[in-house]
């Protein structure tokens, strides 16, 4: 029994020491669980009990978002072009026609908005680019312009600054989804715990380890 207690103590100490590296969450839009979003203009995707609210609509180049405008709805599934292997992810279908381009600062395109649980924030988004050789996405963080990102065909990994609670994505040239070319699909978002959450996690484990150590000393 004492040997078991020492093993438990060592395990708790190890977890406390590595608590700051608590596993990140991966919202994989190619997974079967993401299909709960398909066909809706707003929905919630839950991974390990942590919800992510996703909204589809139109967005202008200043970041103004209109939920469900132009009959926008989320699409989750596989897309293939020109005989290439299919790519699965999250996009938007809408009434915006193929080839609709940005003509001015108020031009509206298909957009996606991601609202994160307060205990987590996004650190990376992976966007699949199909159809066109080059493109550009505009990102907004907490309703403020973040940056424009040039994209190429294939998967584009975009690193994000810490502390974001709302992330919005819209193309600079064409729509996100099956109604436009190039096609953009969000395949994955990685989120990590907020610093305060990690701190509480480590303190809780350290407290358990200390309590176990005291019991062992008194035994």
C-alpha atoms as a PDB file:
ATOM      1  CA  UNK A   1       0.000   0.000   0.000  1.00  0.00           C
ATOM      2  CA  UNK A   2       2.828   2.358   0.874  1.00  0.00           C
ATOM      3  CA  UNK A   3       4.534   1.529  -2.404  1.00  0.00           C
ATOM      4  CA  UNK A   4       1.298   2.409  -4.210  1.00  0.00           C
ATOM      5  CA  UNK A   5       1.113   5.730  -2.323  1.00  0.00           C
ATOM      6  CA  UNK A   6       4.676   6.595  -3.309  1.00  0.00           C
ATOM      7  CA  UNK A   7       3.770   5.799  -6.920  1.00  0.00           C
ATOM      8  CA  UNK A   8       0.757   8.069  -6.679  1.00  0.00           C
ATOM      9  CA  UNK A   9       2.907  10.833  -5.222  1.00  0.00           C
ATOM     10  CA  UNK A  10       5.413  10.549  -8.045  1.00  0.00           C
ATOM     11  CA  UNK A  11       2.604  10.595 -10.602  1.00  0.00           C
ATOM     12  CA  UNK A  12       1.066  13.721  -9.077  1.00  0.00           C
ATOM     13  CA  UNK A  13       4.448  15.461  -8.953  1.00  0.00           C
ATOM     14  CA  UNK A  14       5.038  14.618 -12.603  1.00  0.00           C
ATOM     15  CA  UNK A  15       1.624  15.932 -13.611  1.00  0.00           C
ATOM     16  CA  UNK A  16       2.167  19.123 -11.638  1.00  0.00           C
ATOM     17  CA  UNK A  17       5.552  19.649 -13.254  1.00  0.00           C
ATOM     18  CA  UNK A  18       4.119  19.163 -16.723  1.00  0.00           C
ATOM     19  CA  UNK A  19       0.790  20.855 -16.072  1.00  0.00           C
ATOM     20  CA  UNK A  20       1.756  23.900 -18.096  1.00  0.00           C
ATOM     21  CA  UNK A  21       1.942  21.598 -21.098  1.00  0.00           C
ATOM     22  CA  UNK A  22      -1.638  20.408 -20.630  1.00  0.00           C
ATOM     23  CA  UNK A  23      -2.917  18.873 -23.822  1.00  0.00           C
ATOM     24  CA  UNK A  24      -4.232  21.299 -26.381  1.00  0.00           C
ATOM     25  CA  UNK A  25      -7.607  20.861 -28.042  1.00  0.00           C
ATOM     26  CA  UNK A  26      -7.858  20.124 -31.740  1.00  0.00           C
ATOM     27  CA  UNK A  27     -11.101  21.018 -33.452  1.00  0.00           C
ATOM     28  CA  UNK A  28     -10.850  18.725 -36.458  1.00  0.00           C
ATOM     29  CA  UNK A  29     -13.448  19.685 -39.049  1.00  0.00           C
ATOM     30  CA  UNK A  30     -12.658  16.562 -41.036  1.00  0.00           C
ATOM     31  CA  UNK A  31     -13.871  14.393 -38.149  1.00  0.00           C
ATOM     32  CA  UNK A  32     -17.384  12.904 -37.960  1.00  0.00           C
ATOM     33  CA  UNK A  33     -18.185  15.064 -34.921  1.00  0.00           C
ATOM     34  CA  UNK A  34     -17.967  18.233 -37.020  1.00  0.00           C
ATOM     35  CA  UNK A  35     -20.978  17.196 -39.112  1.00  0.00           C
ATOM     36  CA  UNK A  36     -23.233  18.665 -36.394  1.00  0.00           C
ATOM     37  CA  UNK A  37     -22.486  22.023 -38.069  1.00  0.00           C
ATOM     38  CA  UNK A  38     -23.445  20.966 -41.590  1.00  0.00           C
ATOM     39  CA  UNK A  39     -26.362  22.887 -43.060  1.00  0.00           C
ATOM     40  CA  UNK A  40     -26.702  25.459 -40.276  1.00  0.00           C
ATOM     41  CA  UNK A  41     -25.714  29.111 -40.105  1.00  0.00           C
ATOM     42  CA  UNK A  42     -24.656  28.646 -36.470  1.00  0.00           C
ATOM     43  CA  UNK A  43     -23.765  25.645 -34.349  1.00  0.00           C
ATOM     44  CA  UNK A  44     -21.573  24.292 -31.580  1.00  0.00           C
ATOM     45  CA  UNK A  45     -18.734  21.816 -32.019  1.00  0.00           C
ATOM     46  CA  UNK A  46     -17.654  20.200 -28.723  1.00  0.00           C
ATOM     47  CA  UNK A  47     -14.268  18.540 -28.166  1.00  0.00           C
ATOM     48  CA  UNK A  48     -13.393  17.045 -24.769  1.00  0.00           C
ATOM     49  CA  UNK A  49     -16.321  18.917 -23.244  1.00  0.00           C
ATOM     50  CA  UNK A  50     -15.120  22.327 -24.490  1.00  0.00           C
ATOM     51  CA  UNK A  51     -17.566  24.050 -26.885  1.00  0.00           C
ATOM     52  CA  UNK A  52     -16.667  26.076 -29.953  1.00  0.00           C
ATOM     53  CA  UNK A  53     -19.457  28.148 -31.483  1.00  0.00           C
ATOM     54  CA  UNK A  54     -19.186  28.556 -35.254  1.00  0.00           C
ATOM     55  CA  UNK A  55     -21.211  30.991 -37.370  1.00  0.00           C
ATOM     56  CA  UNK A  56     -21.558  31.353 -41.137  1.00  0.00           C
ATOM     57  CA  UNK A  57     -22.641  34.438 -43.025  1.00  0.00           C
ATOM     58  CA  UNK A  58     -21.323  37.284 -45.105  1.00  0.00           C
ATOM     59  CA  UNK A  59     -18.561  39.653 -44.083  1.00  0.00           C
ATOM     60  CA  UNK A  60     -17.183  42.839 -45.578  1.00  0.00           C
ATOM     61  CA  UNK A  61     -13.534  43.777 -45.628  1.00  0.00           C
ATOM     62  CA  UNK A  62     -13.896  45.841 -42.456  1.00  0.00           C
ATOM     63  CA  UNK A  63     -15.081  42.765 -40.533  1.00  0.00           C
ATOM     64  CA  UNK A  64     -18.798  43.540 -40.333  1.00  0.00           C
ATOM     65  CA  UNK A  65     -20.529  40.165 -40.144  1.00  0.00           C
ATOM     66  CA  UNK A  66     -24.114  39.269 -41.066  1.00  0.00           C
ATOM     67  CA  UNK A  67     -25.202  35.875 -39.742  1.00  0.00           C
ATOM     68  CA  UNK A  68     -26.898  33.722 -42.376  1.00  0.00           C
ATOM     69  CA  UNK A  69     -26.998  36.494 -44.987  1.00  0.00           C
ATOM     70  CA  UNK A  70     -27.240  35.443 -48.648  1.00  0.00           C
ATOM     71  CA  UNK A  71     -28.606  32.110 -47.379  1.00  0.00           C
ATOM     72  CA  UNK A  72     -25.173  31.284 -46.002  1.00  0.00           C
ATOM     73  CA  UNK A  73     -24.872  27.938 -44.230  1.00  0.00           C
ATOM     74  CA  UNK A  74     -21.969  25.814 -43.129  1.00  0.00           C
ATOM     75  CA  UNK A  75     -20.785  22.929 -45.247  1.00  0.00           C
ATOM     76  CA  UNK A  76     -18.808  20.040 -43.732  1.00  0.00           C
ATOM     77  CA  UNK A  77     -17.564  17.456 -46.172  1.00  0.00           C
ATOM     78  CA  UNK A  78     -15.114  16.534 -48.912  1.00  0.00           C
ATOM     79  CA  UNK A  79     -14.302  18.607 -51.985  1.00  0.00           C
ATOM     80  CA  UNK A  80     -12.228  17.617 -54.988  1.00  0.00           C
ATOM     81  CA  UNK A  81     -11.144  19.669 -58.007  1.00  0.00           C
ATOM     82  CA  UNK A  82      -9.413  18.703 -61.237  1.00  0.00           C
ATOM     83  CA  UNK A  83      -9.081  15.069 -60.171  1.00  0.00           C
ATOM     84  CA  UNK A  84      -6.968  15.905 -57.106  1.00  0.00           C
ATOM     85  CA  UNK A  85      -7.485  13.856 -53.911  1.00  0.00           C
ATOM     86  CA  UNK A  86     -10.500  15.070 -51.937  1.00  0.00           C
ATOM     87  CA  UNK A  87     -10.022  17.525 -49.075  1.00  0.00           C
ATOM     88  CA  UNK A  88     -12.411  17.516 -46.128  1.00  0.00           C
ATOM     89  CA  UNK A  89     -13.180  20.510 -43.955  1.00  0.00           C
ATOM     90  CA  UNK A  90     -15.562  23.313 -43.023  1.00  0.00           C
ATOM     91  CA  UNK A  91     -16.765  25.833 -45.586  1.00  0.00           C
ATOM     92  CA  UNK A  92     -19.727  28.032 -46.411  1.00  0.00           C
ATOM     93  CA  UNK A  93     -22.396  27.689 -49.085  1.00  0.00           C
ATOM     94  CA  UNK A  94     -24.325  30.817 -50.020  1.00  0.00           C
ATOM     95  CA  UNK A  95     -26.022  32.670 -52.856  1.00  0.00           C
ATOM     96  CA  UNK A  96     -22.804  34.541 -53.632  1.00  0.00           C
ATOM     97  CA  UNK A  97     -21.929  33.498 -57.180  1.00  0.00           C
ATOM     98  CA  UNK A  98     -18.791  31.788 -58.359  1.00  0.00           C
ATOM     99  CA  UNK A  99     -16.052  34.237 -59.182  1.00  0.00           C
ATOM    100  CA  UNK A 100     -17.495  37.062 -57.067  1.00  0.00           C
ATOM    101  CA  UNK A 101     -14.515  39.266 -56.315  1.00  0.00           C
ATOM    102  CA  UNK A 102     -13.783  42.059 -53.891  1.00  0.00           C
ATOM    103  CA  UNK A 103     -14.548  45.325 -55.695  1.00  0.00           C
ATOM    104  CA  UNK A 104     -14.227  47.720 -52.790  1.00  0.00           C
ATOM    105  CA  UNK A 105     -13.927  47.973 -49.018  1.00  0.00           C
ATOM    106  CA  UNK A 106     -17.635  47.276 -48.512  1.00  0.00           C
ATOM    107  CA  UNK A 107     -17.836  44.259 -50.808  1.00  0.00           C
ATOM    108  CA  UNK A 108     -19.237  41.275 -48.911  1.00  0.00           C
ATOM    109  CA  UNK A 109     -17.923  37.735 -49.078  1.00  0.00           C
ATOM    110  CA  UNK A 110     -18.665  34.477 -47.289  1.00  0.00           C
ATOM    111  CA  UNK A 111     -17.189  34.403 -43.809  1.00  0.00           C
ATOM    112  CA  UNK A 112     -16.797  32.199 -40.754  1.00  0.00           C
ATOM    113  CA  UNK A 113     -16.716  33.338 -37.122  1.00  0.00           C
ATOM    114  CA  UNK A 114     -15.369  31.174 -34.294  1.00  0.00           C
ATOM    115  CA  UNK A 115     -16.268  31.996 -30.671  1.00  0.00           C
ATOM    116  CA  UNK A 116     -14.092  30.161 -28.156  1.00  0.00           C
ATOM    117  CA  UNK A 117     -14.747  29.003 -24.618  1.00  0.00           C
ATOM    118  CA  UNK A 118     -13.268  31.507 -22.101  1.00  0.00           C
ATOM    119  CA  UNK A 119     -10.825  28.884 -20.773  1.00  0.00           C
ATOM    120  CA  UNK A 120      -9.189  28.310 -24.179  1.00  0.00           C
ATOM    121  CA  UNK A 121      -7.866  30.435 -27.015  1.00  0.00           C
ATOM    122  CA  UNK A 122      -6.814  29.526 -30.573  1.00  0.00           C
ATOM    123  CA  UNK A 123      -3.142  29.276 -31.518  1.00  0.00           C
ATOM    124  CA  UNK A 124      -3.329  27.853 -35.049  1.00  0.00           C
ATOM    125  CA  UNK A 125      -5.822  27.543 -37.874  1.00  0.00           C
ATOM    126  CA  UNK A 126      -5.237  25.342 -40.908  1.00  0.00           C
ATOM    127  CA  UNK A 127      -7.009  26.389 -44.081  1.00  0.00           C
ATOM    128  CA  UNK A 128      -7.119  24.255 -47.226  1.00  0.00           C
ATOM    129  CA  UNK A 129      -6.900  26.201 -50.479  1.00  0.00           C
ATOM    130  CA  UNK A 130      -8.217  24.517 -53.630  1.00  0.00           C
ATOM    131  CA  UNK A 131      -8.760  25.636 -57.192  1.00  0.00           C
ATOM    132  CA  UNK A 132      -6.661  28.771 -57.559  1.00  0.00           C
ATOM    133  CA  UNK A 133      -2.888  28.946 -57.379  1.00  0.00           C
ATOM    134  CA  UNK A 134      -2.811  31.958 -55.078  1.00  0.00           C
ATOM    135  CA  UNK A 135      -5.240  33.662 -52.761  1.00  0.00           C
ATOM    136  CA  UNK A 136      -5.504  35.806 -49.674  1.00  0.00           C
ATOM    137  CA  UNK A 137      -7.494  35.592 -46.468  1.00  0.00           C
ATOM    138  CA  UNK A 138      -8.362  38.407 -44.079  1.00  0.00           C
ATOM    139  CA  UNK A 139      -8.405  37.576 -40.365  1.00  0.00           C
ATOM    140  CA  UNK A 140     -10.103  39.475 -37.545  1.00  0.00           C
ATOM    141  CA  UNK A 141      -9.447  38.900 -33.846  1.00  0.00           C
ATOM    142  CA  UNK A 142     -12.074  40.036 -31.348  1.00  0.00           C
ATOM    143  CA  UNK A 143     -13.745  42.165 -34.051  1.00  0.00           C
ATOM    144  CA  UNK A 144     -10.533  44.022 -34.909  1.00  0.00           C
ATOM    145  CA  UNK A 145      -8.431  43.572 -38.044  1.00  0.00           C
ATOM    146  CA  UNK A 146      -5.612  41.099 -37.424  1.00  0.00           C
ATOM    147  CA  UNK A 147      -3.827  40.627 -40.752  1.00  0.00           C
ATOM    148  CA  UNK A 148      -4.062  39.467 -44.357  1.00  0.00           C
ATOM    149  CA  UNK A 149      -2.539  36.077 -45.115  1.00  0.00           C
ATOM    150  CA  UNK A 150      -1.423  34.980 -48.583  1.00  0.00           C
ATOM    151  CA  UNK A 151      -2.388  31.382 -49.315  1.00  0.00           C
ATOM    152  CA  UNK A 152      -1.257  28.781 -51.831  1.00  0.00           C
ATOM    153  CA  UNK A 153      -2.859  25.563 -52.990  1.00  0.00           C
ATOM    154  CA  UNK A 154      -2.875  22.934 -50.243  1.00  0.00           C
ATOM    155  CA  UNK A 155      -2.900  23.298 -46.483  1.00  0.00           C
ATOM    156  CA  UNK A 156      -1.958  26.675 -45.026  1.00  0.00           C
ATOM    157  CA  UNK A 157      -1.028  26.759 -41.333  1.00  0.00           C
ATOM    158  CA  UNK A 158      -1.636  30.183 -39.776  1.00  0.00           C
ATOM    159  CA  UNK A 159      -0.252  30.957 -36.312  1.00  0.00           C
ATOM    160  CA  UNK A 160      -2.348  33.196 -34.085  1.00  0.00           C
ATOM    161  CA  UNK A 161      -1.440  35.531 -31.214  1.00  0.00           C
ATOM    162  CA  UNK A 162      -2.470  34.576 -27.702  1.00  0.00           C
ATOM    163  CA  UNK A 163      -5.594  35.740 -25.939  1.00  0.00           C
ATOM    164  CA  UNK A 164      -8.089  35.653 -28.825  1.00  0.00           C
ATOM    165  CA  UNK A 165     -11.681  34.825 -27.896  1.00  0.00           C
ATOM    166  CA  UNK A 166     -13.300  35.439 -31.313  1.00  0.00           C
ATOM    167  CA  UNK A 167     -11.683  34.665 -34.660  1.00  0.00           C
ATOM    168  CA  UNK A 168     -13.224  35.624 -38.011  1.00  0.00           C
ATOM    169  CA  UNK A 169     -12.030  34.567 -41.462  1.00  0.00           C
ATOM    170  CA  UNK A 170     -13.078  35.891 -44.874  1.00  0.00           C
ATOM    171  CA  UNK A 171     -11.387  35.787 -48.284  1.00  0.00           C
ATOM    172  CA  UNK A 172      -9.891  38.817 -49.959  1.00  0.00           C
ATOM    173  CA  UNK A 173     -10.660  37.498 -53.442  1.00  0.00           C
ATOM    174  CA  UNK A 174     -13.329  34.807 -53.412  1.00  0.00           C
ATOM    175  CA  UNK A 175     -15.744  33.092 -51.053  1.00  0.00           C
ATOM    176  CA  UNK A 176     -15.187  30.355 -48.527  1.00  0.00           C
ATOM    177  CA  UNK A 177     -17.024  27.260 -49.675  1.00  0.00           C
ATOM    178  CA  UNK A 178     -18.310  25.425 -52.704  1.00  0.00           C
ATOM    179  CA  UNK A 179     -19.857  28.395 -54.483  1.00  0.00           C
ATOM    180  CA  UNK A 180     -16.560  30.014 -55.435  1.00  0.00           C
ATOM    181  CA  UNK A 181     -13.132  29.348 -56.907  1.00  0.00           C
ATOM    182  CA  UNK A 182     -10.657  29.182 -55.244  1.00  0.00           C
ATOM    183  CA  UNK A 183     -12.297  27.190 -52.502  1.00  0.00           C
ATOM    184  CA  UNK A 184     -11.242  27.586 -48.883  1.00  0.00           C
ATOM    185  CA  UNK A 185     -12.001  24.942 -46.276  1.00  0.00           C
ATOM    186  CA  UNK A 186     -11.038  25.239 -42.606  1.00  0.00           C
ATOM    187  CA  UNK A 187      -9.653  21.810 -41.751  1.00  0.00           C
ATOM    188  CA  UNK A 188      -8.445  22.303 -38.182  1.00  0.00           C
ATOM    189  CA  UNK A 189      -8.118  24.759 -35.301  1.00  0.00           C
ATOM    190  CA  UNK A 190      -5.812  24.149 -32.351  1.00  0.00           C
ATOM    191  CA  UNK A 191      -6.707  25.817 -29.036  1.00  0.00           C
ATOM    192  CA  UNK A 192      -4.710  25.875 -25.806  1.00  0.00           C
ATOM    193  CA  UNK A 193      -5.699  26.629 -22.199  1.00  0.00           C
ATOM    194  CA  UNK A 194      -5.649  30.192 -20.991  1.00  0.00           C
ATOM    195  CA  UNK A 195      -2.728  30.900 -18.604  1.00  0.00           C
ATOM    196  CA  UNK A 196      -5.076  31.213 -15.610  1.00  0.00           C
ATOM    197  CA  UNK A 197      -6.572  27.810 -16.373  1.00  0.00           C
ATOM    198  CA  UNK A 198      -3.122  26.217 -16.600  1.00  0.00           C
ATOM    199  CA  UNK A 199      -2.094  27.834 -13.314  1.00  0.00           C
ATOM    200  CA  UNK A 200      -5.141  26.515 -11.456  1.00  0.00           C
ATOM    201  CA  UNK A 201      -4.543  23.064 -12.937  1.00  0.00           C
ATOM    202  CA  UNK A 202      -0.917  23.021 -11.758  1.00  0.00           C
ATOM    203  CA  UNK A 203      -1.798  24.349  -8.287  1.00  0.00           C
ATOM    204  CA  UNK A 204      -4.487  21.695  -7.836  1.00  0.00           C
ATOM    205  CA  UNK A 205      -2.087  18.907  -8.755  1.00  0.00           C
ATOM    206  CA  UNK A 206       0.648  20.368  -6.555  1.00  0.00           C
ATOM    207  CA  UNK A 207      -1.802  20.497  -3.640  1.00  0.00           C
ATOM    208  CA  UNK A 208      -2.717  16.840  -4.128  1.00  0.00           C
ATOM    209  CA  UNK A 209       0.946  15.887  -4.288  1.00  0.00           C
ATOM    210  CA  UNK A 210       1.698  17.823  -1.087  1.00  0.00           C
ATOM    211  CA  UNK A 211      -1.248  16.227   0.759  1.00  0.00           C
ATOM    212  CA  UNK A 212      -0.092  12.768  -0.318  1.00  0.00           C
ATOM    213  CA  UNK A 213       3.477  13.534   0.808  1.00  0.00           C
ATOM    214  CA  UNK A 214       2.254  14.639   4.259  1.00  0.00           C
ATOM    215  CA  UNK A 215       0.206  11.469   4.702  1.00  0.00           C
ATOM    216  CA  UNK A 216       3.224   9.368   3.782  1.00  0.00           C
ATOM    217  CA  UNK A 217       5.435  11.172   6.299  1.00  0.00           C
ATOM    218  CA  UNK A 218       2.891  10.688   9.085  1.00  0.00           C
ATOM    219  CA  UNK A 219       2.367   6.991   8.270  1.00  0.00           C
END
